[in-house]
């Protein structure tokens, strides 16, 4: 079962587990870097929790998720249309002032991660801000019906060096904010798209 099948099947329990999680610690630094009235992509929006937070701050949010069932739940929660689209289908070019990818890149293989990162760079405007988070650890395989690829800080730093268009602002570690998951850790990345001389 791939990750989209998983989230289609378990959309309701996943929604209930994540919809009320307090993400202030990581979303505040992201929002502070965005211009007023920024256009933001909530990539893998899940329950739509962070879409609501971003909109309350005055940003214009495109919520997107690959799972049809998650999109339905997020539409009810956010009271807005949610784009059902996989990463492979993404074709944005110079559209967003910010991309918020909270826990949405954790199921990508190394090759898929690099393909998606290329698309995210393309989707950002110059000076656009990228946030993404991945599990800190050493898993690389199928766990509980889904593929997971965890990272060390060193591995993430190496990944970011492959994308000279992205100026790294910070990589930092946070505890898992979900109830009962406090032993897990996340690596958070903030980066800014700059003009690179070709």
N, C-alpha and C. Protein backbone atom coordinates (compact mmCIF):
# COMPACT_ATOMS: atom_id res chain seq x y z
N UNK A 1 0.85 -1.19 0.00
CA UNK A 1 0.00 0.00 0.00
C UNK A 1 0.89 1.24 0.00
N UNK A 2 0.70 2.15 -0.97
CA UNK A 2 1.51 3.35 -0.95
C UNK A 2 0.91 4.37 0.01
N UNK A 3 1.60 5.48 0.21
CA UNK A 3 1.18 6.41 1.25
C UNK A 3 -0.17 7.04 0.96
N UNK A 4 -0.48 7.30 -0.31
CA UNK A 4 -1.78 7.90 -0.63
C UNK A 4 -2.90 6.91 -0.32
N UNK A 5 -2.70 5.64 -0.68
CA UNK A 5 -3.69 4.61 -0.32
C UNK A 5 -3.88 4.57 1.20
N UNK A 6 -2.78 4.67 1.92
CA UNK A 6 -2.83 4.63 3.39
C UNK A 6 -3.68 5.79 3.91
N UNK A 7 -3.42 6.99 3.41
CA UNK A 7 -4.16 8.15 3.93
C UNK A 7 -5.61 8.17 3.46
N UNK A 8 -5.87 7.55 2.32
CA UNK A 8 -7.28 7.40 1.92
C UNK A 8 -8.00 6.46 2.88
N UNK A 9 -7.32 5.39 3.25
CA UNK A 9 -7.94 4.38 4.11
C UNK A 9 -8.08 4.87 5.55
N UNK A 10 -7.06 5.58 6.04
CA UNK A 10 -7.05 5.98 7.46
C UNK A 10 -7.21 7.50 7.63
N UNK A 11 -7.92 8.11 6.69
CA UNK A 11 -8.05 9.58 6.71
C UNK A 11 -8.66 10.09 8.01
N UNK A 12 -9.71 9.45 8.48
CA UNK A 12 -10.41 9.96 9.67
C UNK A 12 -9.53 9.88 10.93
N UNK A 13 -8.94 8.71 11.26
CA UNK A 13 -8.08 8.68 12.44
C UNK A 13 -6.86 9.61 12.31
N UNK A 14 -6.30 9.72 11.11
CA UNK A 14 -5.15 10.63 10.93
C UNK A 14 -5.59 12.07 11.15
N UNK A 15 -6.74 12.42 10.62
CA UNK A 15 -7.29 13.76 10.82
C UNK A 15 -7.45 14.05 12.31
N UNK A 16 -8.07 13.10 13.01
CA UNK A 16 -8.33 13.31 14.44
C UNK A 16 -7.03 13.42 15.24
N UNK A 17 -6.00 12.71 14.81
CA UNK A 17 -4.72 12.72 15.53
C UNK A 17 -3.96 14.02 15.33
N UNK A 18 -4.18 14.69 14.20
CA UNK A 18 -3.33 15.83 13.84
C UNK A 18 -4.03 17.18 13.82
N UNK A 19 -5.35 17.21 13.76
CA UNK A 19 -6.05 18.48 13.51
C UNK A 19 -5.84 19.52 14.61
N UNK A 20 -5.65 19.08 15.85
CA UNK A 20 -5.53 20.02 16.96
C UNK A 20 -4.10 20.19 17.48
N UNK A 21 -3.12 19.64 16.76
CA UNK A 21 -1.73 19.75 17.21
C UNK A 21 -1.27 21.21 17.09
N UNK A 22 -0.62 21.70 18.13
CA UNK A 22 -0.15 23.08 18.17
C UNK A 22 1.21 23.18 17.46
N UNK A 23 1.22 23.86 16.31
CA UNK A 23 2.44 23.97 15.51
C UNK A 23 3.10 25.35 15.63
N UNK A 24 2.72 26.11 16.64
CA UNK A 24 3.21 27.49 16.79
C UNK A 24 4.73 27.57 16.72
N UNK A 25 5.41 26.64 17.37
CA UNK A 25 6.87 26.67 17.48
C UNK A 25 7.57 26.69 16.12
N UNK A 26 6.97 26.04 15.13
CA UNK A 26 7.63 25.98 13.82
C UNK A 26 6.96 26.87 12.78
N UNK A 27 5.66 27.13 12.91
CA UNK A 27 4.99 27.94 11.88
C UNK A 27 5.25 29.43 12.07
N UNK A 28 5.50 29.85 13.32
CA UNK A 28 5.77 31.28 13.57
C UNK A 28 7.03 31.76 12.84
N UNK A 29 8.18 31.04 12.96
CA UNK A 29 9.38 31.49 12.24
C UNK A 29 9.16 31.57 10.72
N UNK A 30 8.36 30.65 10.18
CA UNK A 30 8.03 30.66 8.75
C UNK A 30 7.21 31.90 8.40
N UNK A 31 6.16 32.15 9.17
CA UNK A 31 5.26 33.27 8.86
C UNK A 31 5.96 34.61 9.00
N UNK A 32 6.89 34.70 9.93
CA UNK A 32 7.61 35.96 10.15
C UNK A 32 8.46 36.36 8.95
N UNK A 33 8.85 35.38 8.15
CA UNK A 33 9.70 35.65 6.98
C UNK A 33 8.90 35.99 5.72
N UNK A 34 7.60 35.83 5.76
CA UNK A 34 6.77 36.04 4.57
C UNK A 34 6.36 37.50 4.44
N UNK A 35 6.24 37.98 3.19
CA UNK A 35 5.73 39.34 3.00
C UNK A 35 4.23 39.41 3.31
N UNK A 36 3.75 40.61 3.47
CA UNK A 36 2.32 40.80 3.69
C UNK A 36 1.53 40.26 2.50
N UNK A 37 0.38 39.66 2.78
CA UNK A 37 -0.50 39.11 1.74
C UNK A 37 0.19 38.05 0.87
N UNK A 38 1.11 37.31 1.46
CA UNK A 38 1.87 36.30 0.70
C UNK A 38 0.95 35.20 0.15
N UNK A 39 1.36 34.68 -1.01
CA UNK A 39 0.72 33.50 -1.59
C UNK A 39 1.49 32.28 -1.08
N UNK A 40 0.80 31.38 -0.37
CA UNK A 40 1.47 30.25 0.28
C UNK A 40 0.86 28.93 -0.20
N UNK A 41 1.72 27.96 -0.47
CA UNK A 41 1.27 26.60 -0.77
C UNK A 41 1.39 25.76 0.49
N UNK A 42 0.27 25.20 0.94
CA UNK A 42 0.30 24.24 2.05
C UNK A 42 0.36 22.85 1.42
N UNK A 43 1.59 22.35 1.29
CA UNK A 43 1.86 21.12 0.54
C UNK A 43 1.63 19.91 1.42
N UNK A 44 0.70 19.03 1.00
CA UNK A 44 0.34 17.90 1.86
C UNK A 44 -0.38 18.42 3.09
N UNK A 45 -1.46 19.14 2.85
CA UNK A 45 -2.12 19.91 3.90
C UNK A 45 -2.80 19.05 4.96
N UNK A 46 -3.02 17.76 4.66
CA UNK A 46 -3.65 16.89 5.66
C UNK A 46 -4.99 17.43 6.11
N UNK A 47 -5.14 17.67 7.40
CA UNK A 47 -6.42 18.12 7.96
C UNK A 47 -6.77 19.55 7.58
N UNK A 48 -5.79 20.30 7.07
CA UNK A 48 -6.01 21.71 6.79
C UNK A 48 -5.72 22.60 7.98
N UNK A 49 -5.21 22.01 9.04
CA UNK A 49 -4.91 22.74 10.28
C UNK A 49 -4.05 23.98 10.03
N UNK A 50 -2.95 23.80 9.27
CA UNK A 50 -2.02 24.91 9.09
C UNK A 50 -2.52 25.92 8.06
N UNK A 51 -3.35 25.46 7.13
CA UNK A 51 -4.00 26.38 6.19
C UNK A 51 -4.80 27.43 6.97
N UNK A 52 -5.53 26.98 7.97
CA UNK A 52 -6.34 27.90 8.78
C UNK A 52 -5.44 28.90 9.50
N UNK A 53 -4.36 28.43 10.10
CA UNK A 53 -3.42 29.32 10.81
C UNK A 53 -2.85 30.37 9.86
N UNK A 54 -2.44 29.94 8.68
CA UNK A 54 -1.85 30.86 7.70
C UNK A 54 -2.86 31.88 7.22
N UNK A 55 -4.09 31.44 6.98
CA UNK A 55 -5.12 32.37 6.52
C UNK A 55 -5.49 33.38 7.60
N UNK A 56 -5.49 32.92 8.84
CA UNK A 56 -5.80 33.83 9.94
C UNK A 56 -4.75 34.95 10.04
N UNK A 57 -3.53 34.69 9.55
CA UNK A 57 -2.47 35.69 9.56
C UNK A 57 -2.57 36.61 8.34
N UNK A 58 -3.50 36.32 7.45
CA UNK A 58 -3.72 37.20 6.30
C UNK A 58 -3.07 36.75 5.01
N UNK A 59 -2.56 35.51 4.98
CA UNK A 59 -1.94 35.00 3.76
C UNK A 59 -3.00 34.32 2.87
N UNK A 60 -2.69 34.25 1.59
CA UNK A 60 -3.57 33.56 0.63
C UNK A 60 -3.02 32.16 0.42
N UNK A 61 -3.79 31.16 0.80
CA UNK A 61 -3.27 29.79 0.87
C UNK A 61 -3.88 28.90 -0.20
N UNK A 62 -3.01 28.18 -0.91
CA UNK A 62 -3.44 27.07 -1.77
C UNK A 62 -3.17 25.79 -0.99
N UNK A 63 -4.25 25.13 -0.56
CA UNK A 63 -4.12 23.87 0.18
C UNK A 63 -4.11 22.72 -0.83
N UNK A 64 -3.17 21.79 -0.65
CA UNK A 64 -3.02 20.69 -1.61
C UNK A 64 -2.69 19.40 -0.87
N UNK A 65 -3.29 18.32 -1.32
CA UNK A 65 -2.97 17.00 -0.77
C UNK A 65 -3.20 15.95 -1.84
N UNK A 66 -2.44 14.86 -1.77
CA UNK A 66 -2.58 13.80 -2.77
C UNK A 66 -3.71 12.83 -2.47
N UNK A 67 -4.17 12.81 -1.23
CA UNK A 67 -5.20 11.86 -0.81
C UNK A 67 -6.60 12.46 -0.97
N UNK A 68 -7.42 11.79 -1.75
CA UNK A 68 -8.79 12.28 -1.99
C UNK A 68 -9.58 12.40 -0.69
N UNK A 69 -9.43 11.42 0.20
CA UNK A 69 -10.19 11.44 1.45
C UNK A 69 -9.70 12.55 2.38
N UNK A 70 -8.38 12.79 2.42
CA UNK A 70 -7.87 13.89 3.23
C UNK A 70 -8.35 15.22 2.69
N UNK A 71 -8.39 15.35 1.37
CA UNK A 71 -8.89 16.59 0.75
C UNK A 71 -10.32 16.88 1.17
N UNK A 72 -11.15 15.84 1.19
CA UNK A 72 -12.56 16.03 1.59
C UNK A 72 -12.65 16.53 3.03
N UNK A 73 -11.87 15.93 3.92
CA UNK A 73 -11.90 16.35 5.33
C UNK A 73 -11.34 17.76 5.49
N UNK A 74 -10.27 18.07 4.77
CA UNK A 74 -9.67 19.40 4.85
C UNK A 74 -10.62 20.47 4.31
N UNK A 75 -11.38 20.13 3.28
CA UNK A 75 -12.33 21.10 2.73
C UNK A 75 -13.41 21.45 3.74
N UNK A 76 -13.87 20.46 4.49
CA UNK A 76 -14.86 20.72 5.53
C UNK A 76 -14.24 21.58 6.64
N UNK A 77 -13.01 21.25 7.02
CA UNK A 77 -12.34 21.95 8.12
C UNK A 77 -12.00 23.40 7.76
N UNK A 78 -11.52 23.62 6.54
CA UNK A 78 -11.05 24.96 6.14
C UNK A 78 -12.14 25.77 5.46
N UNK A 79 -13.21 25.12 5.04
CA UNK A 79 -14.29 25.77 4.29
C UNK A 79 -13.75 26.39 2.99
N UNK A 80 -12.82 25.69 2.38
CA UNK A 80 -12.32 26.13 1.08
C UNK A 80 -11.97 24.91 0.24
N UNK A 81 -11.83 25.16 -1.06
CA UNK A 81 -11.48 24.07 -1.97
C UNK A 81 -10.04 23.66 -1.74
N UNK A 82 -9.80 22.35 -1.74
CA UNK A 82 -8.45 21.82 -1.58
C UNK A 82 -8.05 21.12 -2.88
N UNK A 83 -6.86 21.44 -3.35
CA UNK A 83 -6.36 20.89 -4.60
C UNK A 83 -5.92 19.45 -4.39
N UNK A 84 -6.57 18.51 -5.07
CA UNK A 84 -6.11 17.13 -4.98
C UNK A 84 -5.08 16.89 -6.08
N UNK A 85 -3.83 16.73 -5.69
CA UNK A 85 -2.75 16.62 -6.67
C UNK A 85 -1.57 15.91 -6.03
N UNK A 86 -0.93 15.03 -6.79
CA UNK A 86 0.29 14.38 -6.30
C UNK A 86 1.49 15.25 -6.63
N UNK A 87 2.62 14.94 -6.01
CA UNK A 87 3.84 15.70 -6.28
C UNK A 87 4.25 15.57 -7.75
N UNK A 88 4.01 14.38 -8.32
CA UNK A 88 4.37 14.15 -9.72
C UNK A 88 3.58 15.08 -10.65
N UNK A 89 2.38 15.43 -10.24
CA UNK A 89 1.50 16.25 -11.08
C UNK A 89 1.77 17.76 -10.93
N UNK A 90 2.57 18.13 -9.95
CA UNK A 90 2.82 19.54 -9.69
C UNK A 90 3.56 20.21 -10.85
N UNK A 91 3.07 21.36 -11.28
CA UNK A 91 3.70 22.09 -12.38
C UNK A 91 3.67 23.59 -12.10
N UNK A 92 3.97 24.01 -10.90
CA UNK A 92 3.95 25.43 -10.57
C UNK A 92 5.26 26.09 -10.98
N UNK A 93 5.17 27.33 -11.46
CA UNK A 93 6.37 28.05 -11.89
C UNK A 93 6.30 29.49 -11.37
N UNK A 94 7.17 29.81 -10.37
CA UNK A 94 7.27 31.19 -9.90
C UNK A 94 5.93 31.71 -9.37
N UNK A 95 5.28 30.91 -8.53
CA UNK A 95 3.91 31.22 -8.09
C UNK A 95 3.84 31.66 -6.64
N UNK A 96 4.64 31.06 -5.76
CA UNK A 96 4.40 31.20 -4.32
C UNK A 96 5.50 32.01 -3.61
N UNK A 97 5.06 32.82 -2.64
CA UNK A 97 5.98 33.53 -1.75
C UNK A 97 6.47 32.61 -0.64
N UNK A 98 5.72 31.56 -0.39
CA UNK A 98 6.09 30.61 0.65
C UNK A 98 5.53 29.23 0.36
N UNK A 99 6.29 28.20 0.71
CA UNK A 99 5.80 26.81 0.63
C UNK A 99 5.98 26.20 2.01
N UNK A 100 4.87 25.68 2.54
CA UNK A 100 4.84 25.06 3.86
C UNK A 100 4.62 23.57 3.63
N UNK A 101 5.62 22.76 3.96
CA UNK A 101 5.56 21.31 3.73
C UNK A 101 5.82 20.60 5.05
N UNK A 102 4.85 20.68 5.94
CA UNK A 102 5.00 20.14 7.29
C UNK A 102 4.73 18.63 7.28
N UNK A 103 5.76 17.84 7.51
CA UNK A 103 5.64 16.38 7.61
C UNK A 103 5.11 15.74 6.33
N UNK A 104 5.23 16.46 5.21
CA UNK A 104 4.64 15.94 3.98
C UNK A 104 5.65 15.34 3.00
N UNK A 105 6.94 15.34 3.36
CA UNK A 105 7.96 14.76 2.49
C UNK A 105 8.60 13.51 3.10
N UNK A 106 7.97 12.97 4.13
CA UNK A 106 8.58 11.88 4.90
C UNK A 106 8.49 10.52 4.20
N UNK A 107 7.66 10.42 3.15
CA UNK A 107 7.47 9.14 2.47
C UNK A 107 8.20 9.06 1.13
N UNK A 108 9.12 9.99 0.88
CA UNK A 108 9.80 10.04 -0.40
C UNK A 108 11.15 9.33 -0.35
N UNK A 109 11.45 8.56 -1.40
CA UNK A 109 12.78 8.00 -1.54
C UNK A 109 13.76 9.14 -1.83
N UNK A 110 15.05 8.84 -1.77
CA UNK A 110 16.06 9.87 -2.05
C UNK A 110 15.84 10.51 -3.42
N UNK A 111 15.59 9.67 -4.42
CA UNK A 111 15.39 10.19 -5.78
C UNK A 111 14.13 11.04 -5.85
N UNK A 112 13.05 10.55 -5.24
CA UNK A 112 11.80 11.31 -5.24
C UNK A 112 11.95 12.64 -4.51
N UNK A 113 12.70 12.63 -3.40
CA UNK A 113 12.93 13.85 -2.64
C UNK A 113 13.60 14.91 -3.52
N UNK A 114 14.61 14.50 -4.26
CA UNK A 114 15.31 15.46 -5.11
C UNK A 114 14.42 15.96 -6.23
N UNK A 115 13.60 15.09 -6.80
CA UNK A 115 12.66 15.52 -7.85
C UNK A 115 11.66 16.54 -7.30
N UNK A 116 11.15 16.28 -6.10
CA UNK A 116 10.17 17.19 -5.49
C UNK A 116 10.84 18.51 -5.12
N UNK A 117 12.05 18.45 -4.59
CA UNK A 117 12.76 19.69 -4.24
C UNK A 117 12.95 20.58 -5.47
N UNK A 118 13.27 19.97 -6.62
CA UNK A 118 13.41 20.75 -7.86
C UNK A 118 12.10 21.47 -8.18
N UNK A 119 10.98 20.76 -7.99
CA UNK A 119 9.67 21.36 -8.27
C UNK A 119 9.35 22.48 -7.29
N UNK A 120 9.76 22.31 -6.04
CA UNK A 120 9.49 23.34 -5.04
C UNK A 120 10.31 24.60 -5.32
N UNK A 121 11.56 24.41 -5.73
CA UNK A 121 12.40 25.55 -6.10
C UNK A 121 11.75 26.31 -7.25
N UNK A 122 11.27 25.58 -8.25
CA UNK A 122 10.62 26.18 -9.42
C UNK A 122 9.34 26.91 -9.01
N UNK A 123 8.61 26.35 -8.08
CA UNK A 123 7.31 26.92 -7.67
C UNK A 123 7.46 28.22 -6.88
N UNK A 124 8.61 28.40 -6.23
CA UNK A 124 8.83 29.59 -5.41
C UNK A 124 9.22 30.79 -6.26
N UNK A 125 8.73 31.96 -5.87
CA UNK A 125 9.23 33.21 -6.43
C UNK A 125 10.63 33.47 -5.85
N UNK A 126 11.39 34.33 -6.49
CA UNK A 126 12.67 34.77 -5.91
C UNK A 126 12.38 35.42 -4.55
N UNK A 127 13.20 35.11 -3.57
CA UNK A 127 13.02 35.52 -2.17
C UNK A 127 11.91 34.76 -1.45
N UNK A 128 11.34 33.75 -2.12
CA UNK A 128 10.32 32.92 -1.49
C UNK A 128 10.92 32.05 -0.40
N UNK A 129 10.08 31.69 0.56
CA UNK A 129 10.52 30.94 1.74
C UNK A 129 9.99 29.51 1.68
N UNK A 130 10.88 28.55 1.90
CA UNK A 130 10.50 27.13 1.97
C UNK A 130 10.68 26.63 3.39
N UNK A 131 9.63 25.98 3.90
CA UNK A 131 9.74 25.23 5.16
C UNK A 131 9.38 23.78 4.88
N UNK A 132 10.17 22.86 5.39
CA UNK A 132 9.75 21.46 5.38
C UNK A 132 10.32 20.75 6.61
N UNK A 133 9.67 19.65 6.97
CA UNK A 133 10.12 18.88 8.12
C UNK A 133 10.14 17.40 7.78
N UNK A 134 11.13 16.71 8.35
CA UNK A 134 11.27 15.26 8.17
C UNK A 134 11.59 14.65 9.53
N UNK A 135 11.38 13.34 9.63
CA UNK A 135 11.72 12.65 10.87
C UNK A 135 13.23 12.60 11.05
N UNK A 136 13.68 12.83 12.27
CA UNK A 136 15.09 12.66 12.61
C UNK A 136 15.30 11.20 13.00
N UNK A 137 16.24 10.53 12.34
CA UNK A 137 16.46 9.12 12.66
C UNK A 137 17.15 8.41 11.53
N UNK A 138 17.00 7.08 11.48
CA UNK A 138 17.71 6.30 10.46
C UNK A 138 16.82 5.28 9.76
N UNK A 139 15.49 5.45 9.84
CA UNK A 139 14.62 4.52 9.11
C UNK A 139 14.74 4.77 7.60
N UNK A 140 14.71 3.70 6.85
CA UNK A 140 14.66 3.79 5.40
C UNK A 140 13.98 2.51 4.90
N UNK A 141 12.65 2.52 4.92
CA UNK A 141 11.91 1.32 4.54
C UNK A 141 10.45 1.41 4.94
N UNK A 142 9.78 0.28 4.87
CA UNK A 142 8.34 0.22 5.15
C UNK A 142 8.10 0.02 6.64
N UNK A 143 7.32 0.93 7.22
CA UNK A 143 6.92 0.83 8.63
C UNK A 143 5.43 1.12 8.73
N UNK A 144 4.68 0.19 9.35
CA UNK A 144 3.22 0.37 9.52
C UNK A 144 2.52 0.70 8.21
N UNK A 145 2.92 0.00 7.15
CA UNK A 145 2.20 0.14 5.89
C UNK A 145 2.63 1.30 5.01
N UNK A 146 3.61 2.09 5.44
CA UNK A 146 4.08 3.22 4.64
C UNK A 146 5.60 3.23 4.58
N UNK A 147 6.14 3.74 3.48
CA UNK A 147 7.58 3.93 3.37
C UNK A 147 7.99 5.20 4.12
N UNK A 148 9.05 5.12 4.91
CA UNK A 148 9.60 6.28 5.58
C UNK A 148 11.08 6.42 5.27
N UNK A 149 11.51 7.65 5.07
CA UNK A 149 12.93 7.95 4.94
C UNK A 149 13.26 9.04 5.96
N UNK A 150 14.00 8.66 6.98
CA UNK A 150 14.41 9.60 8.01
C UNK A 150 15.76 10.22 7.65
N UNK A 151 16.14 11.27 8.36
CA UNK A 151 17.37 12.00 8.07
C UNK A 151 18.13 12.34 9.34
N UNK A 152 19.43 12.50 9.18
CA UNK A 152 20.24 13.16 10.20
C UNK A 152 20.41 14.61 9.76
N UNK A 153 20.86 15.45 10.69
CA UNK A 153 21.08 16.85 10.34
C UNK A 153 22.15 16.97 9.25
N UNK A 154 23.17 16.13 9.32
CA UNK A 154 24.23 16.15 8.32
C UNK A 154 23.69 15.79 6.93
N UNK A 155 22.83 14.76 6.88
CA UNK A 155 22.24 14.37 5.59
C UNK A 155 21.39 15.49 5.00
N UNK A 156 20.63 16.15 5.87
CA UNK A 156 19.79 17.25 5.39
C UNK A 156 20.63 18.41 4.88
N UNK A 157 21.70 18.72 5.58
CA UNK A 157 22.61 19.78 5.14
C UNK A 157 23.20 19.44 3.77
N UNK A 158 23.55 18.17 3.59
CA UNK A 158 24.07 17.73 2.30
C UNK A 158 23.03 17.85 1.20
N UNK A 159 21.79 17.50 1.51
CA UNK A 159 20.71 17.63 0.54
C UNK A 159 20.55 19.09 0.12
N UNK A 160 20.55 19.99 1.07
CA UNK A 160 20.35 21.41 0.76
C UNK A 160 21.48 21.96 -0.09
N UNK A 161 22.68 21.43 0.08
CA UNK A 161 23.82 21.90 -0.72
C UNK A 161 23.66 21.56 -2.20
N UNK A 162 22.81 20.59 -2.50
CA UNK A 162 22.55 20.22 -3.90
C UNK A 162 21.68 21.25 -4.60
N UNK A 163 21.10 22.18 -3.84
CA UNK A 163 20.19 23.17 -4.42
C UNK A 163 20.71 24.58 -4.11
N UNK A 164 21.67 25.06 -4.93
CA UNK A 164 22.29 26.35 -4.66
C UNK A 164 21.31 27.52 -4.72
N UNK A 165 20.15 27.30 -5.33
CA UNK A 165 19.13 28.36 -5.36
C UNK A 165 18.54 28.60 -3.98
N UNK A 166 18.69 27.62 -3.09
CA UNK A 166 18.10 27.73 -1.76
C UNK A 166 19.17 28.13 -0.74
N UNK A 167 19.02 29.29 -0.19
CA UNK A 167 19.92 29.77 0.87
C UNK A 167 19.38 29.26 2.21
N UNK A 168 20.15 28.40 2.85
CA UNK A 168 19.70 27.80 4.11
C UNK A 168 19.65 28.85 5.22
N UNK A 169 18.49 28.96 5.85
CA UNK A 169 18.33 29.89 6.97
C UNK A 169 18.57 29.16 8.29
N UNK A 170 17.98 27.98 8.42
CA UNK A 170 18.13 27.25 9.68
C UNK A 170 17.70 25.80 9.52
N UNK A 171 18.37 24.92 10.25
CA UNK A 171 17.91 23.53 10.47
C UNK A 171 17.88 23.34 11.98
N UNK A 172 16.72 22.96 12.51
CA UNK A 172 16.64 22.77 13.96
C UNK A 172 15.74 21.59 14.30
N UNK A 173 15.94 21.08 15.50
CA UNK A 173 15.23 19.88 15.96
C UNK A 173 14.11 20.26 16.91
N UNK A 174 12.95 19.60 16.74
CA UNK A 174 11.84 19.77 17.67
C UNK A 174 11.29 18.39 18.07
N UNK A 175 10.65 18.34 19.22
CA UNK A 175 9.98 17.11 19.66
C UNK A 175 8.68 16.96 18.89
N UNK A 176 8.22 15.74 18.73
CA UNK A 176 6.94 15.48 18.10
C UNK A 176 5.84 16.08 18.98
N UNK A 177 5.01 16.93 18.38
CA UNK A 177 3.99 17.65 19.14
C UNK A 177 2.69 16.86 19.28
N UNK A 178 2.61 15.72 18.61
CA UNK A 178 1.36 14.93 18.69
C UNK A 178 1.26 14.24 20.04
N UNK A 179 0.03 14.10 20.50
CA UNK A 179 -0.21 13.46 21.79
C UNK A 179 0.31 12.03 21.79
N UNK A 180 1.10 11.68 22.80
CA UNK A 180 1.61 10.31 22.92
C UNK A 180 2.80 10.00 22.04
N UNK A 181 3.33 11.01 21.30
CA UNK A 181 4.44 10.76 20.38
C UNK A 181 5.69 11.53 20.81
N UNK A 182 5.78 11.85 22.07
CA UNK A 182 6.80 12.78 22.54
C UNK A 182 8.22 12.25 22.42
N UNK A 183 8.40 10.95 22.15
CA UNK A 183 9.76 10.43 22.03
C UNK A 183 10.34 10.67 20.65
N UNK A 184 9.49 11.01 19.67
CA UNK A 184 9.97 11.25 18.31
C UNK A 184 10.50 12.65 18.14
N UNK A 185 11.42 12.81 17.18
CA UNK A 185 11.97 14.13 16.89
C UNK A 185 11.85 14.44 15.41
N UNK A 186 11.74 15.74 15.12
CA UNK A 186 11.64 16.23 13.75
C UNK A 186 12.81 17.16 13.47
N UNK A 187 13.27 17.12 12.24
CA UNK A 187 14.21 18.12 11.75
C UNK A 187 13.43 19.11 10.88
N UNK A 188 13.58 20.38 11.18
CA UNK A 188 12.87 21.45 10.49
C UNK A 188 13.85 22.27 9.67
N UNK A 189 13.45 22.61 8.46
CA UNK A 189 14.33 23.36 7.55
C UNK A 189 13.62 24.63 7.08
N UNK A 190 14.31 25.75 7.18
CA UNK A 190 13.87 27.00 6.57
C UNK A 190 14.92 27.44 5.57
N UNK A 191 14.47 27.80 4.36
CA UNK A 191 15.40 28.24 3.33
C UNK A 191 14.74 29.32 2.48
N UNK A 192 15.56 30.11 1.82
CA UNK A 192 15.08 31.21 1.00
C UNK A 192 15.61 31.03 -0.43
N UNK A 193 14.72 31.21 -1.40
CA UNK A 193 15.15 31.10 -2.79
C UNK A 193 15.84 32.39 -3.23
N UNK A 194 17.04 32.25 -3.73
CA UNK A 194 17.79 33.42 -4.19
C UNK A 194 18.07 33.29 -5.68
N UNK A 195 18.48 34.39 -6.26
CA UNK A 195 18.90 34.37 -7.66
C UNK A 195 20.28 33.73 -7.74
N UNK A 196 20.42 32.73 -8.57
CA UNK A 196 21.73 32.07 -8.73
C UNK A 196 22.23 32.34 -10.13
N UNK A 197 23.48 32.75 -10.22
CA UNK A 197 24.06 33.01 -11.54
C UNK A 197 24.28 31.70 -12.27
N UNK A 198 23.77 31.64 -13.46
CA UNK A 198 23.86 30.40 -14.23
C UNK A 198 25.10 30.43 -15.11
